[in-house]
PDB file of N, CA and C in Angstrom:
ATOM      1  N   MET A   1       0.872  -1.530  -0.167  1.00  0.00           N
ATOM      2  CA  MET A   1      -0.072  -0.117  -0.035  1.00  0.00           C
ATOM      3  C   MET A   1       0.988   1.399   0.144  1.00  0.00           C
ATOM      4  N   VAL A   2       1.977   1.270   0.813  1.00  0.00           N
ATOM      5  CA  VAL A   2       3.075   2.413   0.895  1.00  0.00           C
ATOM      6  C   VAL A   2       3.442   2.564  -0.456  1.00  0.00           C
ATOM      7  N   ASN A   3       3.999   1.507  -1.102  1.00  0.00           N
ATOM      8  CA  ASN A   3       4.630   1.786  -2.506  1.00  0.00           C
ATOM      9  C   ASN A   3       3.446   2.179  -3.592  1.00  0.00           C
ATOM     10  N   TYR A   4       2.562   1.694  -3.587  1.00  0.00           N
ATOM     11  CA  TYR A   4       1.412   2.584  -4.291  1.00  0.00           C
ATOM     12  C   TYR A   4       1.110   4.018  -4.075  1.00  0.00           C
ATOM     13  N   ILE A   5       1.078   4.154  -2.779  1.00  0.00           N
ATOM     14  CA  ILE A   5       1.069   5.721  -2.447  1.00  0.00           C
ATOM     15  C   ILE A   5       2.349   6.432  -2.846  1.00  0.00           C
ATOM     16  N   LYS A   6       3.599   6.065  -3.208  1.00  0.00           N
ATOM     17  CA  LYS A   6       4.846   6.699  -3.204  1.00  0.00           C
ATOM     18  C   LYS A   6       4.741   6.656  -4.804  1.00  0.00           C
ATOM     19  N   GLU A   7       4.379   5.802  -5.438  1.00  0.00           N
ATOM     20  CA  GLU A   7       4.268   5.762  -6.970  1.00  0.00           C
ATOM     21  C   GLU A   7       3.455   6.592  -7.417  1.00  0.00           C
ATOM     22  N   SER A   8       1.975   6.713  -6.645  1.00  0.00           N
ATOM     23  CA  SER A   8       1.001   7.719  -7.576  1.00  0.00           C
ATOM     24  C   SER A   8       1.772   9.024  -7.123  1.00  0.00           C
ATOM     25  N   PHE A   9       2.229   9.657  -6.129  1.00  0.00           N
ATOM     26  CA  PHE A   9       2.661  10.920  -5.832  1.00  0.00           C
ATOM     27  C   PHE A   9       3.877  11.015  -6.779  1.00  0.00           C
ATOM     28  N   GLN A  10       4.853  10.053  -7.155  1.00  0.00           N
ATOM     29  CA  GLN A  10       5.862  10.101  -7.959  1.00  0.00           C
ATOM     30  C   GLN A  10       5.085  10.541  -9.614  1.00  0.00           C
ATOM     31  N   GLU A  11       3.996   9.654  -9.886  1.00  0.00           N
ATOM     32  CA  GLU A  11       3.385  10.115 -11.183  1.00  0.00           C
ATOM     33  C   GLU A  11       2.832  11.478 -11.173  1.00  0.00           C
ATOM     34  N   LEU A  12       2.087  11.825 -10.042  1.00  0.00           N
ATOM     35  CA  LEU A  12       1.657  13.157 -10.018  1.00  0.00           C
ATOM     36  C   LEU A  12       3.028  14.310 -10.284  1.00  0.00           C
ATOM     37  N   ARG A  13       3.816  14.340  -9.928  1.00  0.00           N
ATOM     38  CA  ARG A  13       4.815  15.156  -9.898  1.00  0.00           C
ATOM     39  C   ARG A  13       5.712  14.827 -11.466  1.00  0.00           C
ATOM     40  N   ALA A  14       5.931  13.753 -11.918  1.00  0.00           N
ATOM     41  CA  ALA A  14       6.451  13.630 -13.175  1.00  0.00           C
ATOM     42  C   ALA A  14       5.747  13.483 -14.574  1.00  0.00           C
ATOM     43  N   ASN A  15       4.459  13.146 -14.266  1.00  0.00           N
ATOM     44  CA  ASN A  15       3.983  12.751 -15.550  1.00  0.00           C
ATOM     45  C   ASN A  15       2.591  13.592 -15.574  1.00  0.00           C
ATOM     46  N   VAL A  16       2.147  14.128 -14.939  1.00  0.00           N
ATOM     47  CA  VAL A  16       0.937  15.163 -14.740  1.00  0.00           C
ATOM     48  C   VAL A  16       1.166  16.734 -15.190  1.00  0.00           C
ATOM     49  N   THR A  17       0.497  16.869 -16.294  1.00  0.00           N
ATOM     50  CA  THR A  17       0.663  18.389 -16.925  1.00  0.00           C
ATOM     51  C   THR A  17      -0.714  19.010 -16.329  1.00  0.00           C
ATOM     52  N   TRP A  18      -0.011  19.987 -15.371  1.00  0.00           N
ATOM     53  CA  TRP A  18      -0.941  21.023 -14.686  1.00  0.00           C
ATOM     54  C   TRP A  18      -1.417  22.189 -15.259  1.00  0.00           C
ATOM     55  N   PRO A  19      -2.577  22.742 -15.351  1.00  0.00           N
ATOM     56  CA  PRO A  19      -2.688  23.838 -16.196  1.00  0.00           C
ATOM     57  C   PRO A  19      -2.375  25.171 -15.331  1.00  0.00           C
ATOM     58  N   SER A  20      -2.093  26.258 -16.061  1.00  0.00           N
ATOM     59  CA  SER A  20      -1.514  27.358 -15.503  1.00  0.00           C
ATOM     60  C   SER A  20      -2.320  27.915 -14.608  1.00  0.00           C
ATOM     61  N   TRP A  21      -1.949  28.966 -13.678  1.00  0.00           N
ATOM     62  CA  TRP A  21      -3.172  29.572 -13.069  1.00  0.00           C
ATOM     63  C   TRP A  21      -4.216  30.174 -13.529  1.00  0.00           C
ATOM     64  N   ALA A  22      -3.885  30.914 -14.614  1.00  0.00           N
ATOM     65  CA  ALA A  22      -4.761  31.778 -15.439  1.00  0.00           C
ATOM     66  C   ALA A  22      -5.749  30.592 -16.125  1.00  0.00           C
ATOM     67  N   GLU A  23      -5.294  29.460 -16.771  1.00  0.00           N
ATOM     68  CA  GLU A  23      -6.285  28.758 -17.243  1.00  0.00           C
ATOM     69  C   GLU A  23      -7.161  28.155 -16.482  1.00  0.00           C
ATOM     70  N   GLY A  24      -6.522  27.690 -14.972  1.00  0.00           N
ATOM     71  CA  GLY A  24      -7.469  26.897 -13.937  1.00  0.00           C
ATOM     72  C   GLY A  24      -8.563  28.049 -13.499  1.00  0.00           C
ATOM     73  N   GLN A  25      -8.077  29.233 -13.772  1.00  0.00           N
ATOM     74  CA  GLN A  25      -9.208  30.066 -12.978  1.00  0.00           C
ATOM     75  C   GLN A  25     -10.190  30.067 -14.378  1.00  0.00           C
ATOM     76  N   ASN A  26     -10.004  30.081 -15.361  1.00  0.00           N
ATOM     77  CA  ASN A  26     -10.721  30.121 -16.796  1.00  0.00           C
ATOM     78  C   ASN A  26     -11.375  28.886 -16.915  1.00  0.00           C
ATOM     79  N   LEU A  27     -11.219  27.802 -16.292  1.00  0.00           N
ATOM     80  CA  LEU A  27     -11.535  26.564 -16.322  1.00  0.00           C
ATOM     81  C   LEU A  27     -12.918  26.490 -14.969  1.00  0.00           C
ATOM     82  N   MET A  28     -12.578  26.950 -13.998  1.00  0.00           N
ATOM     83  CA  MET A  28     -13.559  26.941 -12.722  1.00  0.00           C
ATOM     84  C   MET A  28     -14.352  27.819 -13.194  1.00  0.00           C
ATOM     85  N   VAL A  29     -14.401  28.975 -13.846  1.00  0.00           N
ATOM     86  CA  VAL A  29     -15.614  29.830 -14.556  1.00  0.00           C
ATOM     87  C   VAL A  29     -16.648  28.954 -15.433  1.00  0.00           C
ATOM     88  N   VAL A  30     -15.980  28.199 -16.281  1.00  0.00           N
ATOM     89  CA  VAL A  30     -16.635  27.445 -17.155  1.00  0.00           C
ATOM     90  C   VAL A  30     -17.601  26.460 -16.359  1.00  0.00           C
ATOM     91  N   VAL A  31     -17.162  25.816 -15.619  1.00  0.00           N
ATOM     92  CA  VAL A  31     -17.277  24.748 -14.642  1.00  0.00           C
ATOM     93  C   VAL A  31     -18.720  25.698 -13.814  1.00  0.00           C
ATOM     94  N   ALA A  32     -18.202  26.700 -13.240  1.00  0.00           N
ATOM     95  CA  ALA A  32     -19.284  27.454 -12.437  1.00  0.00           C
ATOM     96  C   ALA A  32     -20.854  27.710 -13.492  1.00  0.00           C
ATOM     97  N   VAL A  33     -20.369  28.180 -14.527  1.00  0.00           N
ATOM     98  CA  VAL A  33     -21.560  28.820 -15.068  1.00  0.00           C
ATOM     99  C   VAL A  33     -22.210  27.513 -15.748  1.00  0.00           C
ATOM    100  N   PHE A  34     -21.780  26.535 -16.201  1.00  0.00           N
ATOM    101  CA  PHE A  34     -22.461  25.023 -16.585  1.00  0.00           C
ATOM    102  C   PHE A  34     -23.063  24.605 -15.208  1.00  0.00           C
ATOM    103  N   SER A  35     -22.622  24.654 -13.918  1.00  0.00           N
ATOM    104  CA  SER A  35     -23.408  24.169 -13.023  1.00  0.00           C
ATOM    105  C   SER A  35     -24.597  24.802 -12.568  1.00  0.00           C
ATOM    106  N   ILE A  36     -24.511  26.208 -12.620  1.00  0.00           N
ATOM    107  CA  ILE A  36     -25.666  27.115 -12.530  1.00  0.00           C
ATOM    108  C   ILE A  36     -26.492  26.860 -13.601  1.00  0.00           C
ATOM    109  N   LEU A  37     -26.204  26.739 -14.553  1.00  0.00           N
ATOM    110  CA  LEU A  37     -27.430  26.611 -15.689  1.00  0.00           C
ATOM    111  C   LEU A  37     -27.884  25.209 -15.494  1.00  0.00           C
ATOM    112  N   PHE A  38     -26.899  24.188 -15.227  1.00  0.00           N
ATOM    113  CA  PHE A  38     -27.763  22.733 -15.337  1.00  0.00           C
ATOM    114  C   PHE A  38     -28.550  22.811 -14.171  1.00  0.00           C
ATOM    115  N   SER A  39     -28.391  23.268 -12.911  1.00  0.00           N
ATOM    116  CA  SER A  39     -29.078  23.689 -11.598  1.00  0.00           C
ATOM    117  C   SER A  39     -30.466  24.388 -11.962  1.00  0.00           C
ATOM    118  N   LEU A  40     -30.408  25.258 -12.601  1.00  0.00           N
ATOM    119  CA  LEU A  40     -31.697  25.905 -13.112  1.00  0.00           C
ATOM    120  C   LEU A  40     -32.520  25.118 -13.976  1.00  0.00           C
ATOM    121  N   ALA A  41     -31.909  24.349 -14.925  1.00  0.00           N
ATOM    122  CA  ALA A  41     -32.786  23.637 -15.664  1.00  0.00           C
ATOM    123  C   ALA A  41     -33.665  22.374 -14.812  1.00  0.00           C
ATOM    124  N   ILE A  42     -32.777  21.844 -14.366  1.00  0.00           N
ATOM    125  CA  ILE A  42     -33.145  20.868 -13.023  1.00  0.00           C
ATOM    126  C   ILE A  42     -34.373  21.235 -12.268  1.00  0.00           C
ATOM    127  N   TRP A  43     -34.256  22.914 -11.701  1.00  0.00           N
ATOM    128  CA  TRP A  43     -35.128  23.483 -10.916  1.00  0.00           C
ATOM    129  C   TRP A  43     -36.520  23.527 -11.655  1.00  0.00           C
ATOM    130  N   GLY A  44     -36.489  24.170 -13.011  1.00  0.00           N
ATOM    131  CA  GLY A  44     -37.380  24.382 -13.791  1.00  0.00           C
ATOM    132  C   GLY A  44     -38.231  23.094 -14.161  1.00  0.00           C
ATOM    133  N   ILE A  45     -37.427  21.999 -14.357  1.00  0.00           N
ATOM    134  CA  ILE A  45     -38.153  20.682 -14.624  1.00  0.00           C
ATOM    135  C   ILE A  45     -38.749  20.159 -13.528  1.00  0.00           C
ATOM    136  N   ASP A  46     -38.376  20.113 -12.432  1.00  0.00           N
ATOM    137  CA  ASP A  46     -38.684  19.610 -11.061  1.00  0.00           C
ATOM    138  C   ASP A  46     -40.110  20.632 -10.804  1.00  0.00           C
ATOM    139  N   THR A  47     -40.210  21.968 -11.019  1.00  0.00           N
ATOM    140  CA  THR A  47     -41.306  22.656 -11.087  1.00  0.00           C
ATOM    141  C   THR A  47     -42.381  21.992 -11.766  1.00  0.00           C
ATOM    142  N   VAL A  48     -42.216  21.834 -12.772  1.00  0.00           N
ATOM    143  CA  VAL A  48     -43.317  21.363 -13.722  1.00  0.00           C
ATOM    144  C   VAL A  48     -43.819  20.320 -13.743  1.00  0.00           C
ATOM    145  N   PHE A  49     -43.018  19.267 -13.230  1.00  0.00           N
ATOM    146  CA  PHE A  49     -43.483  18.140 -12.936  1.00  0.00           C
ATOM    147  C   PHE A  49     -44.190  17.956 -11.484  1.00  0.00           C
ATOM    148  N   ALA A  50     -43.852  18.985 -10.435  1.00  0.00           N
ATOM    149  CA  ALA A  50     -44.447  19.345  -9.379  1.00  0.00           C
ATOM    150  C   ALA A  50     -45.963  20.002  -9.563  1.00  0.00           C
ATOM    151  N   LYS A  51     -46.077  20.942 -10.595  1.00  0.00           N
ATOM    152  CA  LYS A  51     -47.137  21.377 -10.754  1.00  0.00           C
ATOM    153  C   LYS A  51     -48.141  20.412 -11.402  1.00  0.00           C
ATOM    154  N   LEU A  52     -47.759  19.443 -12.587  1.00  0.00           N
ATOM    155  CA  LEU A  52     -48.373  18.291 -13.355  1.00  0.00           C
ATOM    156  C   LEU A  52     -49.211  17.365 -12.194  1.00  0.00           C
ATOM    157  N   ILE A  53     -47.889  17.248 -11.238  1.00  0.00           N
ATOM    158  CA  ILE A  53     -48.807  16.135 -10.011  1.00  0.00           C
ATOM    159  C   ILE A  53     -49.688  16.609  -9.361  1.00  0.00           C
ATOM    160  N   LYS A  54     -49.711  17.840  -9.023  1.00  0.00           N
ATOM    161  CA  LYS A  54     -50.766  18.550  -8.128  1.00  0.00           C
ATOM    162  C   LYS A  54     -52.137  18.763  -9.047  1.00  0.00           C
ATOM    163  N   LEU A  55     -52.085  18.810 -10.132  1.00  0.00           N
ATOM    164  CA  LEU A  55     -52.968  18.964 -11.046  1.00  0.00           C
ATOM    165  C   LEU A  55     -53.738  17.637 -10.838  1.00  0.00           C
ATOM    166  N   TYR A  56     -52.803  16.789 -11.295  1.00  0.00           N
ATOM    167  CA  TYR A  56     -53.178  15.424 -11.560  1.00  0.00           C
ATOM    168  C   TYR A  56     -54.103  14.878 -10.461  1.00  0.00           C
ATOM    169  N   PHE A  57     -53.410  15.194  -9.408  1.00  0.00           N
ATOM    170  CA  PHE A  57     -54.138  14.384  -8.158  1.00  0.00           C
ATOM    171  C   PHE A  57     -55.196  15.249  -7.591  1.00  0.00           C
ATOM    172  N   GLY A  58     -55.216  16.729  -8.070  1.00  0.00           N
ATOM    173  CA  GLY A  58     -56.355  17.714  -7.804  1.00  0.00           C
ATOM    174  C   GLY A  58     -57.538  17.146  -8.509  1.00  0.00           C
ATOM    175  N   ILE A  59     -57.690  16.940  -9.664  1.00  0.00           N
ATOM    176  CA  ILE A  59     -58.652  16.368 -10.545  1.00  0.00           C
ATOM    177  C   ILE A  59     -59.059  14.954 -10.079  1.00  0.00           C
ATOM    178  N   ILE A  60     -58.324  14.080  -9.655  1.00  0.00           N
ATOM    179  CA  ILE A  60     -58.709  12.900  -9.004  1.00  0.00           C
ATOM    180  C   ILE A  60     -59.533  13.041  -7.713  1.00  0.00           C
ATOM    181  N   THR A  61     -59.487  13.746  -6.988  1.00  0.00           N
ATOM    182  CA  THR A  61     -59.903  14.036  -5.521  1.00  0.00           C
ATOM    183  C   THR A  61     -61.258  14.609  -5.656  1.00  0.00           C
ATOM    184  N   ASN A  62     -61.204  15.725  -6.778  1.00  0.00           N
ATOM    185  CA  ASN A  62     -62.474  16.136  -6.708  1.00  0.00           C
ATOM    186  C   ASN A  62     -63.417  15.559  -7.566  1.00  0.00           C
TER     187      ASN A  62
END
């Protein structure tokens, strides 16, 4: 297990290409924007389904 952890850290240092600070910030903004858009889409779908279910069960009980 210890050998695996040592090799993992060695690979991170030697073989991984890290983005620059500016590129990392740009990517963070892209992820944040898409996360907000996706959450708004899910909220909208959830709201529509909730209203449809209330309408459906309102018709059945009356």
